[in-house]
């Protein structure tokens, strides 16, 4: 299964629009245009098809975590009692 297939299946399963995906990518400071995004969802034999790289899928998944759960909250470390 390719990164494109994983990306497509997540988009359908989570009912995400292109605008939603762009917002998710912005949560991890990754800029992507609608036309770039559309090229990942085309069929393999389409002339404008583009393979989805690991970096794009990784950034999408990291952004998706923030989108669904919220930003990571770091807890203050406890100081040892003397």
C-alpha atoms as a PDB file:
ATOM      1  CA  UNK A   1       0.000   0.000   0.000  1.00  0.00           C
ATOM      2  CA  UNK A   2       1.461   3.351  -1.034  1.00  0.00           C
ATOM      3  CA  UNK A   3       1.453   6.626   0.893  1.00  0.00           C
ATOM      4  CA  UNK A   4      -1.101   7.902  -1.631  1.00  0.00           C
ATOM      5  CA  UNK A   5      -3.456   5.021  -0.791  1.00  0.00           C
ATOM      6  CA  UNK A   6      -3.097   5.668   2.950  1.00  0.00           C
ATOM      7  CA  UNK A   7      -3.705   9.394   2.450  1.00  0.00           C
ATOM      8  CA  UNK A   8      -6.812   8.728   0.317  1.00  0.00           C
ATOM      9  CA  UNK A   9      -8.269   6.231   2.795  1.00  0.00           C
ATOM     10  CA  UNK A  10      -7.753   8.561   5.761  1.00  0.00           C
ATOM     11  CA  UNK A  11      -9.347  11.426   3.855  1.00  0.00           C
ATOM     12  CA  UNK A  12     -12.439   9.346   3.076  1.00  0.00           C
ATOM     13  CA  UNK A  13     -12.674   7.685   6.508  1.00  0.00           C
ATOM     14  CA  UNK A  14     -12.430  11.013   8.351  1.00  0.00           C
ATOM     15  CA  UNK A  15     -14.598  12.839   5.782  1.00  0.00           C
ATOM     16  CA  UNK A  16     -11.984  15.567   5.289  1.00  0.00           C
ATOM     17  CA  UNK A  17     -12.162  18.205   2.573  1.00  0.00           C
ATOM     18  CA  UNK A  18      -9.102  19.693   0.883  1.00  0.00           C
ATOM     19  CA  UNK A  19      -9.552  22.812   3.020  1.00  0.00           C
ATOM     20  CA  UNK A  20      -9.554  20.654   6.167  1.00  0.00           C
ATOM     21  CA  UNK A  21      -6.325  18.954   5.100  1.00  0.00           C
ATOM     22  CA  UNK A  22      -4.675  22.300   4.348  1.00  0.00           C
ATOM     23  CA  UNK A  23      -5.637  23.532   7.846  1.00  0.00           C
ATOM     24  CA  UNK A  24      -4.290  20.317   9.379  1.00  0.00           C
ATOM     25  CA  UNK A  25      -0.976  20.777   7.555  1.00  0.00           C
ATOM     26  CA  UNK A  26      -0.779  24.393   8.753  1.00  0.00           C
ATOM     27  CA  UNK A  27      -0.959  23.144  12.361  1.00  0.00           C
ATOM     28  CA  UNK A  28       2.551  21.730  11.871  1.00  0.00           C
ATOM     29  CA  UNK A  29       3.737  24.740   9.827  1.00  0.00           C
ATOM     30  CA  UNK A  30       3.680  22.851   6.525  1.00  0.00           C
ATOM     31  CA  UNK A  31       2.322  24.791   3.551  1.00  0.00           C
ATOM     32  CA  UNK A  32       0.593  22.960   0.707  1.00  0.00           C
ATOM     33  CA  UNK A  33      -1.665  24.217  -2.078  1.00  0.00           C
ATOM     34  CA  UNK A  34      -4.946  22.728  -3.266  1.00  0.00           C
ATOM     35  CA  UNK A  35      -3.407  21.793  -6.617  1.00  0.00           C
ATOM     36  CA  UNK A  36      -0.501  19.974  -4.942  1.00  0.00           C
ATOM     37  CA  UNK A  37      -2.943  18.189  -2.693  1.00  0.00           C
ATOM     38  CA  UNK A  38      -5.173  17.194  -5.602  1.00  0.00           C
ATOM     39  CA  UNK A  39      -2.266  15.567  -7.402  1.00  0.00           C
ATOM     40  CA  UNK A  40      -1.922  13.022  -4.561  1.00  0.00           C
ATOM     41  CA  UNK A  41      -5.539  11.900  -4.898  1.00  0.00           C
ATOM     42  CA  UNK A  42      -5.474  11.254  -8.651  1.00  0.00           C
ATOM     43  CA  UNK A  43      -5.248   7.771 -10.145  1.00  0.00           C
ATOM     44  CA  UNK A  44      -1.786   6.361 -10.799  1.00  0.00           C
ATOM     45  CA  UNK A  45      -2.105   6.626 -14.581  1.00  0.00           C
ATOM     46  CA  UNK A  46      -3.243  10.276 -14.630  1.00  0.00           C
ATOM     47  CA  UNK A  47      -0.664  12.663 -16.150  1.00  0.00           C
ATOM     48  CA  UNK A  48      -0.817  15.008 -13.122  1.00  0.00           C
ATOM     49  CA  UNK A  49      -0.443  12.224 -10.533  1.00  0.00           C
ATOM     50  CA  UNK A  50       2.271  12.848  -7.958  1.00  0.00           C
ATOM     51  CA  UNK A  51       3.528  10.268  -5.452  1.00  0.00           C
ATOM     52  CA  UNK A  52       3.014  11.272  -1.830  1.00  0.00           C
ATOM     53  CA  UNK A  53       6.344  11.390  -0.052  1.00  0.00           C
ATOM     54  CA  UNK A  54       7.036  10.274   3.485  1.00  0.00           C
ATOM     55  CA  UNK A  55       7.497  13.872   4.666  1.00  0.00           C
ATOM     56  CA  UNK A  56       4.043  14.931   3.480  1.00  0.00           C
ATOM     57  CA  UNK A  57       2.291  11.933   5.029  1.00  0.00           C
ATOM     58  CA  UNK A  58       4.280  12.352   8.281  1.00  0.00           C
ATOM     59  CA  UNK A  59       3.335  16.032   8.535  1.00  0.00           C
ATOM     60  CA  UNK A  60      -0.308  15.206   7.827  1.00  0.00           C
ATOM     61  CA  UNK A  61      -0.368  12.536  10.550  1.00  0.00           C
ATOM     62  CA  UNK A  62       1.330  14.835  13.077  1.00  0.00           C
ATOM     63  CA  UNK A  63      -1.134  17.596  12.218  1.00  0.00           C
ATOM     64  CA  UNK A  64      -4.026  15.173  12.485  1.00  0.00           C
ATOM     65  CA  UNK A  65      -3.045  14.357  16.064  1.00  0.00           C
ATOM     66  CA  UNK A  66      -3.131  18.066  16.933  1.00  0.00           C
ATOM     67  CA  UNK A  67      -6.404  18.517  15.004  1.00  0.00           C
ATOM     68  CA  UNK A  68      -8.133  15.687  16.874  1.00  0.00           C
ATOM     69  CA  UNK A  69      -6.549  15.925  20.360  1.00  0.00           C
ATOM     70  CA  UNK A  70      -5.260  19.464  20.604  1.00  0.00           C
ATOM     71  CA  UNK A  71      -1.702  20.685  21.074  1.00  0.00           C
ATOM     72  CA  UNK A  72       0.660  18.782  23.317  1.00  0.00           C
ATOM     73  CA  UNK A  73       0.606  20.014  26.879  1.00  0.00           C
ATOM     74  CA  UNK A  74       3.864  19.620  28.718  1.00  0.00           C
ATOM     75  CA  UNK A  75       3.501  19.095  32.405  1.00  0.00           C
ATOM     76  CA  UNK A  76       5.869  20.905  34.730  1.00  0.00           C
ATOM     77  CA  UNK A  77       8.507  18.641  36.185  1.00  0.00           C
ATOM     78  CA  UNK A  78       8.407  18.179  39.898  1.00  0.00           C
ATOM     79  CA  UNK A  79      11.332  19.486  41.885  1.00  0.00           C
ATOM     80  CA  UNK A  80      12.847  16.986  44.297  1.00  0.00           C
ATOM     81  CA  UNK A  81      12.096  17.619  47.949  1.00  0.00           C
ATOM     82  CA  UNK A  82      15.250  18.215  50.007  1.00  0.00           C
END
